[in-house]
Amino acid sequence: MKWSYWISLYVRTHCVARGLRPLTLAAYEDALKQFSEWVRLTCADRAPDQVSARDVLAYLQHLRQDRGNGDSAVNRALVVLRSFYRAMVAMGYLDHRANPLSGFPSIKAVPRKLPVFLAPEQVSRLLDEPKSNTVIGLRDRALLALLYGTGIRASECASLRSGQVDLVRLTITVCGKGGHERTIPLNPQLAEVLRVYIHARGPALPAAPFFRSRFGRPLCRGAVYERVRTWGQRSRLGVPLSPHRIRHTFATHLVRAGVGLVTIRDLLGHRQITSTQIYLHVTVEDLRAAAARHPIGELLATVEHLLPAGKLPFQRTTPFFNSG
């Protein structure tokens, strides 16, 4: 009973007070339930205030070896456990000396991978794939265009309401992580795609979902992922497609177009510029372009007349001096 009570207290009180989103609350609760189940099966059903640092280490080892979790998943589990026990100490349910993670060793940070993005011709194929002879086709084309044209997250797209889309001022307003709102400008061509979808869909109240299913229900986050994945397969892009990969593509194409990093940060809704700096990566094309701009090309052209016109022997046929 203590595990379920403490987990509920942590999620419903501490995490809600921090303003965490429902998806984050569900993820934290699921991570803690998995840990409590492992404790029940392997540690004689110890209470949360009886868990030791050795138990946590054994659990992390279990995640790596038995469940095959990678570094990111293991680090995420540890972050949740740290937050859980700190909250219990802060709320007075646990003495700070009994916190099993108070002196727990830090885990090496997960190396950040470069984002995978689509080439412009791949984006063109993707946007051309949905047909415009049905409302669903127009909806999905508008959904794909909005994701690529604004870089919004799947959750922001799913929660978008009709009143948040202003085709007069060419802006949309979305609610991002932590409940932070931001207004994103719309490209005129993108606004026209949205306008065509709205005309085919019909009028809607400001609080009504902007993207809705054939039955009139709002598209949930999972449905947004499903539509993007489906159109990525039909477009034969050669890579798995997700809304987050389209978001990477949006940011990368802006960087390559010369847009400043601070502007891209504000468009993406990042709170820290360090989250945006990952898009300062270079591609093979960027490296080739940099090599082509190297001044060695001009310098070699100026000394070309100094090169011998005739064919030179590979090596000298006669020695410089007689050996006898």
Foldseek 3Di string as FASTA:
>chain_A
DQLVVLLCCCLVPVVVVLLFDPVVSVVLSVLSVVLQVCCVVPVVNDHPLQDALVSLVVVLVCCCPVVVDDPVVSVVSVVSLVSSLVVCCVVPNYPPVSRRCPPHDDDDDDDDDQADAADPVLLVLLLPPQDPPDLVSLLLSLLSLCLLQQLEALQQLQQFFQLQQDLVQQWGWTQDGSRDIAITHHDNVSSVSLVSSPVRVDDDDRNQRSRADPVRHTQHSVNQQVSQQVSSVVSPRVDGDGSNNSSLHNLLVCVVVPDDLVVNCRSHVPPDSVVSCSSVDDDPVRVVVVVVPDCVVVVCVVCVVVDDPDDDDPDDPDDPDDPD
